[in-house]
PDB file of N, CA and C in Angstrom:
ATOM      1  N   MET A   1       5.899   7.350 -22.422  1.00  0.00           N
ATOM      2  CA  MET A   1       6.575   6.918 -21.218  1.00  0.00           C
ATOM      3  C   MET A   1       5.761   5.783 -20.597  1.00  0.00           C
ATOM      4  N   SER A   2       6.401   4.720 -20.245  1.00  0.00           N
ATOM      5  CA  SER A   2       5.744   3.576 -19.621  1.00  0.00           C
ATOM      6  C   SER A   2       5.025   4.012 -18.350  1.00  0.00           C
ATOM      7  N   PHE A   3       3.725   3.754 -18.272  1.00  0.00           N
ATOM      8  CA  PHE A   3       2.969   4.301 -17.148  1.00  0.00           C
ATOM      9  C   PHE A   3       3.345   3.653 -15.824  1.00  0.00           C
ATOM     10  N   GLU A   4       3.596   2.340 -15.799  1.00  0.00           N
ATOM     11  CA  GLU A   4       3.869   1.692 -14.513  1.00  0.00           C
ATOM     12  C   GLU A   4       5.248   2.055 -13.965  1.00  0.00           C
ATOM     13  N   LYS A   5       6.151   2.482 -14.837  1.00  0.00           N
ATOM     14  CA  LYS A   5       7.488   2.879 -14.387  1.00  0.00           C
ATOM     15  C   LYS A   5       7.573   4.364 -14.056  1.00  0.00           C
ATOM     16  N   SER A   6       6.529   5.112 -14.399  1.00  0.00           N
ATOM     17  CA  SER A   6       6.542   6.555 -14.154  1.00  0.00           C
ATOM     18  C   SER A   6       5.366   6.999 -13.286  1.00  0.00           C
ATOM     19  N   CYS A   7       4.739   6.044 -12.607  1.00  0.00           N
ATOM     20  CA  CYS A   7       3.619   6.360 -11.721  1.00  0.00           C
ATOM     21  C   CYS A   7       3.820   5.705 -10.356  1.00  0.00           C
ATOM     22  N   LEU A   8       3.261   6.327  -9.351  1.00  0.00           N
ATOM     23  CA  LEU A   8       3.273   5.813  -7.987  1.00  0.00           C
ATOM     24  C   LEU A   8       1.840   5.565  -7.540  1.00  0.00           C
ATOM     25  N   ASP A   9       1.680   4.714  -6.538  1.00  0.00           N
ATOM     26  CA  ASP A   9       0.374   4.494  -5.915  1.00  0.00           C
ATOM     27  C   ASP A   9      -0.713   4.169  -6.947  1.00  0.00           C
ATOM     28  N   ILE A  10      -0.423   3.234  -7.834  1.00  0.00           N
ATOM     29  CA  ILE A  10      -1.377   2.823  -8.870  1.00  0.00           C
ATOM     30  C   ILE A  10      -2.464   1.980  -8.216  1.00  0.00           C
ATOM     31  N   ARG A  11      -3.725   2.350  -8.484  1.00  0.00           N
ATOM     32  CA  ARG A  11      -4.849   1.652  -7.858  1.00  0.00           C
ATOM     33  C   ARG A  11      -6.111   1.838  -8.697  1.00  0.00           C
ATOM     34  N   LEU A  12      -7.157   1.090  -8.320  1.00  0.00           N
ATOM     35  CA  LEU A  12      -8.457   1.184  -8.992  1.00  0.00           C
ATOM     36  C   LEU A  12      -9.486   1.784  -8.053  1.00  0.00           C
ATOM     37  N   GLU A  13     -10.478   2.439  -8.657  1.00  0.00           N
ATOM     38  CA  GLU A  13     -11.606   2.967  -7.895  1.00  0.00           C
ATOM     39  C   GLU A  13     -12.871   2.795  -8.731  1.00  0.00           C
ATOM     40  N   PRO A  14     -13.927   2.190  -8.158  1.00  0.00           N
ATOM     41  CA  PRO A  14     -15.195   2.141  -8.885  1.00  0.00           C
ATOM     42  C   PRO A  14     -15.858   3.516  -8.842  1.00  0.00           C
ATOM     43  N   ARG A  15     -16.396   3.945  -9.990  1.00  0.00           N
ATOM     44  CA  ARG A  15     -17.041   5.252 -10.052  1.00  0.00           C
ATOM     45  C   ARG A  15     -18.049   5.279 -11.201  1.00  0.00           C
ATOM     46  N   TYR A  16     -19.300   5.630 -10.897  1.00  0.00           N
ATOM     47  CA  TYR A  16     -20.344   5.774 -11.926  1.00  0.00           C
ATOM     48  C   TYR A  16     -20.461   4.540 -12.818  1.00  0.00           C
ATOM     49  N   ASP A  17     -20.512   3.360 -12.263  1.00  0.00           N
ATOM     50  CA  ASP A  17     -20.577   2.112 -13.035  1.00  0.00           C
ATOM     51  C   ASP A  17     -19.379   1.941 -13.968  1.00  0.00           C
ATOM     52  N   CYS A  18     -18.262   2.538 -13.616  1.00  0.00           N
ATOM     53  CA  CYS A  18     -17.024   2.422 -14.386  1.00  0.00           C
ATOM     54  C   CYS A  18     -15.886   2.057 -13.442  1.00  0.00           C
ATOM     55  N   THR A  19     -14.767   1.689 -14.027  1.00  0.00           N
ATOM     56  CA  THR A  19     -13.556   1.419 -13.264  1.00  0.00           C
ATOM     57  C   THR A  19     -12.522   2.470 -13.635  1.00  0.00           C
ATOM     58  N   VAL A  20     -12.006   3.163 -12.623  1.00  0.00           N
ATOM     59  CA  VAL A  20     -11.060   4.251 -12.847  1.00  0.00           C
ATOM     60  C   VAL A  20      -9.683   3.840 -12.329  1.00  0.00           C
ATOM     61  N   LEU A  21      -8.667   4.026 -13.164  1.00  0.00           N
ATOM     62  CA  LEU A  21      -7.280   3.823 -12.772  1.00  0.00           C
ATOM     63  C   LEU A  21      -6.774   5.142 -12.194  1.00  0.00           C
ATOM     64  N   LEU A  22      -6.298   5.098 -10.959  1.00  0.00           N
ATOM     65  CA  LEU A  22      -5.756   6.284 -10.286  1.00  0.00           C
ATOM     66  C   LEU A  22      -4.268   6.084 -10.030  1.00  0.00           C
ATOM     67  N   ALA A  23      -3.523   7.182 -10.057  1.00  0.00           N
ATOM     68  CA  ALA A  23      -2.081   7.106  -9.791  1.00  0.00           C
ATOM     69  C   ALA A  23      -1.537   8.504  -9.539  1.00  0.00           C
ATOM     70  N   ARG A  24      -0.324   8.532  -9.031  1.00  0.00           N
ATOM     71  CA  ARG A  24       0.477   9.757  -8.998  1.00  0.00           C
ATOM     72  C   ARG A  24       1.426   9.612 -10.180  1.00  0.00           C
ATOM     73  N   ALA A  25       1.232  10.441 -11.205  1.00  0.00           N
ATOM     74  CA  ALA A  25       1.975  10.300 -12.457  1.00  0.00           C
ATOM     75  C   ALA A  25       3.073  11.351 -12.564  1.00  0.00           C
ATOM     76  N   ARG A  26       4.242  10.906 -12.995  1.00  0.00           N
ATOM     77  CA  ARG A  26       5.383  11.809 -13.160  1.00  0.00           C
ATOM     78  C   ARG A  26       5.165  12.699 -14.383  1.00  0.00           C
ATOM     79  N   VAL A  27       5.524  13.966 -14.233  1.00  0.00           N
ATOM     80  CA  VAL A  27       5.441  14.924 -15.327  1.00  0.00           C
ATOM     81  C   VAL A  27       6.788  14.954 -16.039  1.00  0.00           C
ATOM     82  N   ASP A  28       6.762  14.768 -17.353  1.00  0.00           N
ATOM     83  CA  ASP A  28       7.985  14.703 -18.164  1.00  0.00           C
ATOM     84  C   ASP A  28       8.978  13.721 -17.548  1.00  0.00           C
ATOM     85  N   GLU A  29      10.225  14.094 -17.522  1.00  0.00           N
ATOM     86  CA  GLU A  29      11.274  13.251 -16.938  1.00  0.00           C
ATOM     87  C   GLU A  29      11.722  13.789 -15.584  1.00  0.00           C
ATOM     88  N   GLY A  30      10.959  14.737 -15.041  1.00  0.00           N
ATOM     89  CA  GLY A  30      11.359  15.397 -13.809  1.00  0.00           C
ATOM     90  C   GLY A  30      10.970  14.646 -12.553  1.00  0.00           C
ATOM     91  N   ASP A  31      10.975  15.380 -11.438  1.00  0.00           N
ATOM     92  CA  ASP A  31      10.657  14.815 -10.130  1.00  0.00           C
ATOM     93  C   ASP A  31       9.246  15.160  -9.676  1.00  0.00           C
ATOM     94  N   GLU A  32       8.490  15.889 -10.495  1.00  0.00           N
ATOM     95  CA  GLU A  32       7.136  16.296 -10.126  1.00  0.00           C
ATOM     96  C   GLU A  32       6.132  15.189 -10.461  1.00  0.00           C
ATOM     97  N   TYR A  33       5.252  14.900  -9.501  1.00  0.00           N
ATOM     98  CA  TYR A  33       4.174  13.931  -9.692  1.00  0.00           C
ATOM     99  C   TYR A  33       2.844  14.633  -9.465  1.00  0.00           C
ATOM    100  N   VAL A  34       1.847  14.278 -10.267  1.00  0.00           N
ATOM    101  CA  VAL A  34       0.517  14.871 -10.145  1.00  0.00           C
ATOM    102  C   VAL A  34      -0.519  13.757 -10.008  1.00  0.00           C
ATOM    103  N   ASP A  35      -1.649  14.078  -9.380  1.00  0.00           N
ATOM    104  CA  ASP A  35      -2.761  13.128  -9.322  1.00  0.00           C
ATOM    105  C   ASP A  35      -3.300  12.934 -10.729  1.00  0.00           C
ATOM    106  N   ALA A  36      -3.521  11.684 -11.109  1.00  0.00           N
ATOM    107  CA  ALA A  36      -3.979  11.382 -12.462  1.00  0.00           C
ATOM    108  C   ALA A  36      -5.003  10.261 -12.419  1.00  0.00           C
ATOM    109  N   GLU A  37      -5.868  10.230 -13.432  1.00  0.00           N
ATOM    110  CA  GLU A  37      -6.859   9.161 -13.527  1.00  0.00           C
ATOM    111  C   GLU A  37      -7.181   8.868 -14.983  1.00  0.00           C
ATOM    112  N   LEU A  38      -7.647   7.646 -15.206  1.00  0.00           N
ATOM    113  CA  LEU A  38      -8.068   7.207 -16.531  1.00  0.00           C
ATOM    114  C   LEU A  38      -9.261   6.282 -16.359  1.00  0.00           C
ATOM    115  N   PHE A  39     -10.381   6.615 -17.005  1.00  0.00           N
ATOM    116  CA  PHE A  39     -11.549   5.742 -16.995  1.00  0.00           C
ATOM    117  C   PHE A  39     -11.243   4.560 -17.913  1.00  0.00           C
ATOM    118  N   LEU A  40     -11.018   3.387 -17.326  1.00  0.00           N
ATOM    119  CA  LEU A  40     -10.645   2.209 -18.113  1.00  0.00           C
ATOM    120  C   LEU A  40     -11.762   1.771 -19.049  1.00  0.00           C
ATOM    121  N   ASP A  41     -13.006   2.049 -18.684  1.00  0.00           N
ATOM    122  CA  ASP A  41     -14.131   1.685 -19.549  1.00  0.00           C
ATOM    123  C   ASP A  41     -14.136   2.473 -20.858  1.00  0.00           C
ATOM    124  N   GLY A  42     -13.341   3.520 -20.946  1.00  0.00           N
ATOM    125  CA  GLY A  42     -13.250   4.286 -22.179  1.00  0.00           C
ATOM    126  C   GLY A  42     -12.420   3.603 -23.253  1.00  0.00           C
ATOM    127  N   GLY A  43     -11.721   2.530 -22.917  1.00  0.00           N
ATOM    128  CA  GLY A  43     -10.877   1.875 -23.911  1.00  0.00           C
ATOM    129  C   GLY A  43     -10.776   0.374 -23.788  1.00  0.00           C
ATOM    130  N   ILE A  44     -11.520  -0.213 -22.836  1.00  0.00           N
ATOM    131  CA  ILE A  44     -11.485  -1.670 -22.652  1.00  0.00           C
ATOM    132  C   ILE A  44     -12.915  -2.177 -22.591  1.00  0.00           C
ATOM    133  N   THR A  45     -13.175  -3.280 -23.262  1.00  0.00           N
ATOM    134  CA  THR A  45     -14.510  -3.868 -23.272  1.00  0.00           C
ATOM    135  C   THR A  45     -14.451  -5.343 -22.905  1.00  0.00           C
ATOM    136  N   ASN A  46     -15.611  -5.894 -22.632  1.00  0.00           N
ATOM    137  CA  ASN A  46     -15.780  -7.334 -22.455  1.00  0.00           C
ATOM    138  C   ASN A  46     -16.366  -7.860 -23.756  1.00  0.00           C
ATOM    139  N   ASP A  47     -15.592  -8.617 -24.496  1.00  0.00           N
ATOM    140  CA  ASP A  47     -16.043  -9.201 -25.756  1.00  0.00           C
ATOM    141  C   ASP A  47     -16.361 -10.673 -25.530  1.00  0.00           C
ATOM    142  N   ASN A  48     -17.606 -10.928 -25.138  1.00  0.00           N
ATOM    143  CA  ASN A  48     -18.105 -12.279 -24.898  1.00  0.00           C
ATOM    144  C   ASN A  48     -17.229 -13.052 -23.908  1.00  0.00           C
ATOM    145  N   GLY A  49     -16.883 -12.378 -22.814  1.00  0.00           N
ATOM    146  CA  GLY A  49     -16.127 -13.041 -21.761  1.00  0.00           C
ATOM    147  C   GLY A  49     -14.628 -12.889 -21.839  1.00  0.00           C
ATOM    148  N   ARG A  50     -14.147 -12.033 -22.738  1.00  0.00           N
ATOM    149  CA  ARG A  50     -12.711 -11.791 -22.891  1.00  0.00           C
ATOM    150  C   ARG A  50     -12.472 -10.279 -22.945  1.00  0.00           C
ATOM    151  N   PHE A  51     -11.391  -9.815 -22.315  1.00  0.00           N
ATOM    152  CA  PHE A  51     -11.025  -8.410 -22.434  1.00  0.00           C
ATOM    153  C   PHE A  51     -10.629  -8.101 -23.872  1.00  0.00           C
ATOM    154  N   SER A  52     -11.006  -6.910 -24.342  1.00  0.00           N
ATOM    155  CA  SER A  52     -10.670  -6.471 -25.689  1.00  0.00           C
ATOM    156  C   SER A  52     -10.517  -4.957 -25.694  1.00  0.00           C
ATOM    157  N   ARG A  53      -9.769  -4.436 -26.647  1.00  0.00           N
ATOM    158  CA  ARG A  53      -9.618  -2.993 -26.833  1.00  0.00           C
ATOM    159  C   ARG A  53     -10.480  -2.501 -27.983  1.00  0.00           C
ATOM    160  N   ASP A  54     -11.347  -3.350 -28.538  1.00  0.00           N
ATOM    161  CA  ASP A  54     -12.141  -2.990 -29.710  1.00  0.00           C
ATOM    162  C   ASP A  54     -13.283  -2.036 -29.410  1.00  0.00           C
ATOM    163  N   SER A  55     -13.644  -1.868 -28.152  1.00  0.00           N
ATOM    164  CA  SER A  55     -14.783  -1.020 -27.806  1.00  0.00           C
ATOM    165  C   SER A  55     -14.579  -0.502 -26.389  1.00  0.00           C
ATOM    166  N   SER A  56     -15.668  -0.344 -25.645  1.00  0.00           N
ATOM    167  CA  SER A  56     -15.563   0.204 -24.293  1.00  0.00           C
ATOM    168  C   SER A  56     -16.610  -0.419 -23.379  1.00  0.00           C
ATOM    169  N   SER A  57     -16.530  -0.089 -22.096  1.00  0.00           N
ATOM    170  CA  SER A  57     -17.530  -0.450 -21.074  1.00  0.00           C
ATOM    171  C   SER A  57     -17.507  -1.917 -20.659  1.00  0.00           C
ATOM    172  N   PHE A  58     -16.475  -2.310 -19.936  1.00  0.00           N
ATOM    173  CA  PHE A  58     -16.397  -3.684 -19.446  1.00  0.00           C
ATOM    174  C   PHE A  58     -16.978  -3.858 -18.046  1.00  0.00           C
ATOM    175  N   THR A  59     -17.022  -2.801 -17.245  1.00  0.00           N
ATOM    176  CA  THR A  59     -17.332  -2.917 -15.822  1.00  0.00           C
ATOM    177  C   THR A  59     -18.700  -3.522 -15.545  1.00  0.00           C
ATOM    178  N   GLU A  60     -19.702  -3.176 -16.337  1.00  0.00           N
ATOM    179  CA  GLU A  60     -21.064  -3.655 -16.085  1.00  0.00           C
ATOM    180  C   GLU A  60     -21.192  -5.164 -16.213  1.00  0.00           C
ATOM    181  N   SER A  61     -20.258  -5.809 -16.899  1.00  0.00           N
ATOM    182  CA  SER A  61     -20.324  -7.264 -17.064  1.00  0.00           C
ATOM    183  C   SER A  61     -19.103  -7.941 -16.439  1.00  0.00           C
ATOM    184  N   ALA A  62     -18.620  -7.353 -15.342  1.00  0.00           N
ATOM    185  CA  ALA A  62     -17.432  -7.893 -14.664  1.00  0.00           C
ATOM    186  C   ALA A  62     -17.642  -7.896 -13.157  1.00  0.00           C
ATOM    187  N   GLU A  63     -16.939  -8.800 -12.494  1.00  0.00           N
ATOM    188  CA  GLU A  63     -16.936  -8.873 -11.033  1.00  0.00           C
ATOM    189  C   GLU A  63     -15.498  -9.069 -10.566  1.00  0.00           C
ATOM    190  N   ASN A  64     -15.265  -8.773  -9.291  1.00  0.00           N
ATOM    191  CA  ASN A  64     -13.947  -9.004  -8.680  1.00  0.00           C
ATOM    192  C   ASN A  64     -12.823  -8.369  -9.499  1.00  0.00           C
ATOM    193  N   ILE A  65     -12.970  -7.090  -9.786  1.00  0.00           N
ATOM    194  CA  ILE A  65     -12.009  -6.347 -10.601  1.00  0.00           C
ATOM    195  C   ILE A  65     -10.829  -5.933  -9.721  1.00  0.00           C
ATOM    196  N   HIS A  66      -9.621  -6.285 -10.169  1.00  0.00           N
ATOM    197  CA  HIS A  66      -8.415  -6.001  -9.386  1.00  0.00           C
ATOM    198  C   HIS A  66      -7.237  -5.694 -10.303  1.00  0.00           C
ATOM    199  N   LEU A  67      -6.196  -5.128  -9.705  1.00  0.00           N
ATOM    200  CA  LEU A  67      -4.909  -4.989 -10.376  1.00  0.00           C
ATOM    201  C   LEU A  67      -3.983  -6.074  -9.870  1.00  0.00           C
ATOM    202  N   ASP A  68      -3.180  -6.605 -10.772  1.00  0.00           N
ATOM    203  CA  ASP A  68      -2.192  -7.622 -10.433  1.00  0.00           C
ATOM    204  C   ASP A  68      -0.832  -7.098 -10.903  1.00  0.00           C
ATOM    205  N   PHE A  69       0.058  -6.829  -9.971  1.00  0.00           N
ATOM    206  CA  PHE A  69       1.381  -6.297 -10.292  1.00  0.00           C
ATOM    207  C   PHE A  69       2.331  -7.466 -10.523  1.00  0.00           C
ATOM    208  N   ARG A  70       2.744  -7.636 -11.787  1.00  0.00           N
ATOM    209  CA  ARG A  70       3.607  -8.745 -12.184  1.00  0.00           C
ATOM    210  C   ARG A  70       4.928  -8.204 -12.717  1.00  0.00           C
ATOM    211  N   ASP A  71       5.880  -9.101 -12.940  1.00  0.00           N
ATOM    212  CA  ASP A  71       7.178  -8.697 -13.481  1.00  0.00           C
ATOM    213  C   ASP A  71       7.056  -8.048 -14.858  1.00  0.00           C
ATOM    214  N   ASP A  72       6.052  -8.460 -15.638  1.00  0.00           N
ATOM    215  CA  ASP A  72       5.899  -7.933 -16.994  1.00  0.00           C
ATOM    216  C   ASP A  72       4.878  -6.804 -17.086  1.00  0.00           C
ATOM    217  N   GLY A  73       4.486  -6.213 -15.961  1.00  0.00           N
ATOM    218  CA  GLY A  73       3.603  -5.059 -16.011  1.00  0.00           C
ATOM    219  C   GLY A  73       2.451  -5.140 -15.032  1.00  0.00           C
ATOM    220  N   VAL A  74       1.552  -4.183 -15.185  1.00  0.00           N
ATOM    221  CA  VAL A  74       0.355  -4.091 -14.350  1.00  0.00           C
ATOM    222  C   VAL A  74      -0.810  -4.687 -15.134  1.00  0.00           C
ATOM    223  N   TRP A  75      -1.432  -5.703 -14.566  1.00  0.00           N
ATOM    224  CA  TRP A  75      -2.515  -6.417 -15.232  1.00  0.00           C
ATOM    225  C   TRP A  75      -3.850  -6.087 -14.574  1.00  0.00           C
ATOM    226  N   LEU A  76      -4.862  -5.852 -15.392  1.00  0.00           N
ATOM    227  CA  LEU A  76      -6.239  -5.735 -14.935  1.00  0.00           C
ATOM    228  C   LEU A  76      -6.831  -7.134 -14.988  1.00  0.00           C
ATOM    229  N   THR A  77      -7.372  -7.606 -13.871  1.00  0.00           N
ATOM    230  CA  THR A  77      -7.979  -8.938 -13.825  1.00  0.00           C
ATOM    231  C   THR A  77      -9.421  -8.814 -13.361  1.00  0.00           C
ATOM    232  N   ALA A  78     -10.267  -9.711 -13.855  1.00  0.00           N
ATOM    233  CA  ALA A  78     -11.679  -9.697 -13.466  1.00  0.00           C
ATOM    234  C   ALA A  78     -12.343 -11.001 -13.882  1.00  0.00           C
ATOM    235  N   ASP A  79     -13.447 -11.303 -13.215  1.00  0.00           N
ATOM    236  CA  ASP A  79     -14.330 -12.379 -13.650  1.00  0.00           C
ATOM    237  C   ASP A  79     -15.315 -11.752 -14.627  1.00  0.00           C
ATOM    238  N   LEU A  80     -15.326 -12.239 -15.864  1.00  0.00           N
ATOM    239  CA  LEU A  80     -16.182 -11.672 -16.904  1.00  0.00           C
ATOM    240  C   LEU A  80     -17.310 -12.624 -17.261  1.00  0.00           C
ATOM    241  N   TRP A  81     -18.417 -12.058 -17.735  1.00  0.00           N
ATOM    242  CA  TRP A  81     -19.562 -12.843 -18.199  1.00  0.00           C
ATOM    243  C   TRP A  81     -19.597 -12.814 -19.718  1.00  0.00           C
ATOM    244  N   ASP A  82     -20.163 -13.884 -20.302  1.00  0.00           N
ATOM    245  CA  ASP A  82     -20.350 -13.897 -21.747  1.00  0.00           C
ATOM    246  C   ASP A  82     -21.727 -13.318 -22.083  1.00  0.00           C
ATOM    247  N   TYR A  83     -22.121 -13.394 -23.375  1.00  0.00           N
ATOM    248  CA  TYR A  83     -23.398 -12.827 -23.819  1.00  0.00           C
ATOM    249  C   TYR A  83     -24.598 -13.483 -23.153  1.00  0.00           C
ATOM    250  N   LEU A  84     -24.465 -14.725 -22.741  1.00  0.00           N
ATOM    251  CA  LEU A  84     -25.562 -15.450 -22.093  1.00  0.00           C
ATOM    252  C   LEU A  84     -25.568 -15.232 -20.583  1.00  0.00           C
ATOM    253  N   ARG A  85     -24.719 -14.306 -20.110  1.00  0.00           N
ATOM    254  CA  ARG A  85     -24.580 -13.987 -18.689  1.00  0.00           C
ATOM    255  C   ARG A  85     -24.025 -15.175 -17.906  1.00  0.00           C
ATOM    256  N   GLN A  86     -23.234 -15.994 -18.586  1.00  0.00           N
ATOM    257  CA  GLN A  86     -22.553 -17.096 -17.926  1.00  0.00           C
ATOM    258  C   GLN A  86     -21.128 -16.657 -17.600  1.00  0.00           C
ATOM    259  N   HIS A  87     -20.671 -17.080 -16.431  1.00  0.00           N
ATOM    260  CA  HIS A  87     -19.331 -16.710 -15.987  1.00  0.00           C
ATOM    261  C   HIS A  87     -18.278 -17.411 -16.833  1.00  0.00           C
ATOM    262  N   ILE A  88     -17.310 -16.635 -17.290  1.00  0.00           N
ATOM    263  CA  ILE A  88     -16.142 -17.161 -17.985  1.00  0.00           C
ATOM    264  C   ILE A  88     -14.993 -17.130 -16.973  1.00  0.00           C
ATOM    265  N   GLU A  89     -14.039 -18.020 -17.103  1.00  0.00           N
ATOM    266  CA  GLU A  89     -12.930 -18.030 -16.139  1.00  0.00           C
ATOM    267  C   GLU A  89     -12.268 -16.655 -16.063  1.00  0.00           C
ATOM    268  N   ARG A  90     -11.559 -16.422 -14.983  1.00  0.00           N
ATOM    269  CA  ARG A  90     -10.921 -15.128 -14.718  1.00  0.00           C
ATOM    270  C   ARG A  90     -10.071 -14.707 -15.917  1.00  0.00           C
ATOM    271  N   GLN A  91     -10.212 -13.451 -16.298  1.00  0.00           N
ATOM    272  CA  GLN A  91      -9.512 -12.915 -17.458  1.00  0.00           C
ATOM    273  C   GLN A  91      -8.548 -11.816 -17.027  1.00  0.00           C
ATOM    274  N   ALA A  92      -7.573 -11.524 -17.884  1.00  0.00           N
ATOM    275  CA  ALA A  92      -6.580 -10.495 -17.577  1.00  0.00           C
ATOM    276  C   ALA A  92      -6.141  -9.795 -18.857  1.00  0.00           C
ATOM    277  N   ILE A  93      -5.781  -8.521 -18.699  1.00  0.00           N
ATOM    278  CA  ILE A  93      -5.206  -7.750 -19.799  1.00  0.00           C
ATOM    279  C   ILE A  93      -4.049  -6.934 -19.225  1.00  0.00           C
ATOM    280  N   ASN A  94      -2.939  -6.916 -19.936  1.00  0.00           N
ATOM    281  CA  ASN A  94      -1.745  -6.209 -19.477  1.00  0.00           C
ATOM    282  C   ASN A  94      -1.896  -4.719 -19.791  1.00  0.00           C
ATOM    283  N   LEU A  95      -2.226  -3.931 -18.778  1.00  0.00           N
ATOM    284  CA  LEU A  95      -2.409  -2.495 -18.971  1.00  0.00           C
ATOM    285  C   LEU A  95      -1.123  -1.816 -19.421  1.00  0.00           C
ATOM    286  N   SER A  96       0.018  -2.368 -19.059  1.00  0.00           N
ATOM    287  CA  SER A  96       1.300  -1.775 -19.434  1.00  0.00           C
ATOM    288  C   SER A  96       1.507  -1.771 -20.944  1.00  0.00           C
ATOM    289  N   GLU A  97       0.819  -2.639 -21.661  1.00  0.00           N
ATOM    290  CA  GLU A  97       0.905  -2.680 -23.118  1.00  0.00           C
ATOM    291  C   GLU A  97      -0.084  -1.732 -23.778  1.00  0.00           C
ATOM    292  N   HIS A  98      -1.011  -1.170 -23.010  1.00  0.00           N
ATOM    293  CA  HIS A  98      -2.095  -0.379 -23.592  1.00  0.00           C
ATOM    294  C   HIS A  98      -2.208   1.040 -23.049  1.00  0.00           C
ATOM    295  N   ILE A  99      -1.419   1.383 -22.022  1.00  0.00           N
ATOM    296  CA  ILE A  99      -1.507   2.705 -21.406  1.00  0.00           C
ATOM    297  C   ILE A  99      -0.114   3.315 -21.309  1.00  0.00           C
ATOM    298  N   GLU A 100      -0.029   4.607 -21.625  1.00  0.00           N
ATOM    299  CA  GLU A 100       1.214   5.372 -21.497  1.00  0.00           C
ATOM    300  C   GLU A 100       0.972   6.578 -20.595  1.00  0.00           C
ATOM    301  N   ASN A 101       2.021   7.056 -19.972  1.00  0.00           N
ATOM    302  CA  ASN A 101       1.975   8.301 -19.213  1.00  0.00           C
ATOM    303  C   ASN A 101       2.381   9.424 -20.161  1.00  0.00           C
ATOM    304  N   GLN A 102       1.424  10.276 -20.504  1.00  0.00           N
ATOM    305  CA  GLN A 102       1.682  11.411 -21.385  1.00  0.00           C
ATOM    306  C   GLN A 102       1.789  12.681 -20.545  1.00  0.00           C
ATOM    307  N   ASP A 103       2.994  12.994 -20.099  1.00  0.00           N
ATOM    308  CA  ASP A 103       3.255  14.215 -19.333  1.00  0.00           C
ATOM    309  C   ASP A 103       2.345  14.351 -18.115  1.00  0.00           C
ATOM    310  N   GLY A 104       2.220  13.264 -17.359  1.00  0.00           N
ATOM    311  CA  GLY A 104       1.424  13.284 -16.135  1.00  0.00           C
ATOM    312  C   GLY A 104      -0.016  12.855 -16.307  1.00  0.00           C
ATOM    313  N   SER A 105      -0.364  12.390 -17.493  1.00  0.00           N
ATOM    314  CA  SER A 105      -1.735  11.956 -17.758  1.00  0.00           C
ATOM    315  C   SER A 105      -1.732  10.564 -18.390  1.00  0.00           C
ATOM    316  N   PRO A 106      -2.298   9.555 -17.713  1.00  0.00           N
ATOM    317  CA  PRO A 106      -2.369   8.227 -18.325  1.00  0.00           C
ATOM    318  C   PRO A 106      -3.320   8.248 -19.524  1.00  0.00           C
ATOM    319  N   GLU A 107      -2.873   7.701 -20.638  1.00  0.00           N
ATOM    320  CA  GLU A 107      -3.667   7.684 -21.873  1.00  0.00           C
ATOM    321  C   GLU A 107      -3.558   6.310 -22.519  1.00  0.00           C
ATOM    322  N   PHE A 108      -4.637   5.901 -23.201  1.00  0.00           N
ATOM    323  CA  PHE A 108      -4.582   4.665 -23.968  1.00  0.00           C
ATOM    324  C   PHE A 108      -3.684   4.860 -25.183  1.00  0.00           C
ATOM    325  N   CYS A 109      -2.848   3.862 -25.467  1.00  0.00           N
ATOM    326  CA  CYS A 109      -2.026   3.861 -26.675  1.00  0.00           C
ATOM    327  C   CYS A 109      -2.927   3.507 -27.851  1.00  0.00           C
ATOM    328  N   THR A 110      -2.605   4.020 -29.003  1.00  0.00           N
ATOM    329  CA  THR A 110      -3.406   3.684 -30.185  1.00  0.00           C
ATOM    330  C   THR A 110      -2.788   2.558 -30.946  1.00  0.00           C
TER     331      THR A 110
END
């Protein structure tokens, strides 16, 4: 189930040097919503200044982390650093292409 179409109050929270996606997620196809969270660092990395799904832990090398709600989904945006600790222009990844709502729990798609 598409997470942005089946969740309410989607937001970010910094926690333990990680970025956590929080939402009220719909259970199945019903009217029940539950509090849900997903540690984004568990499935998104900074690959030399670009977002990637190849590894994990992007938060430690990112600044100004935000969500951007666009017509084509919910985007994670941030200023990322490369391996030399030089700032790369603002980067974005479409979370709607990488996260699903699995019965009230946001999960990374494989």
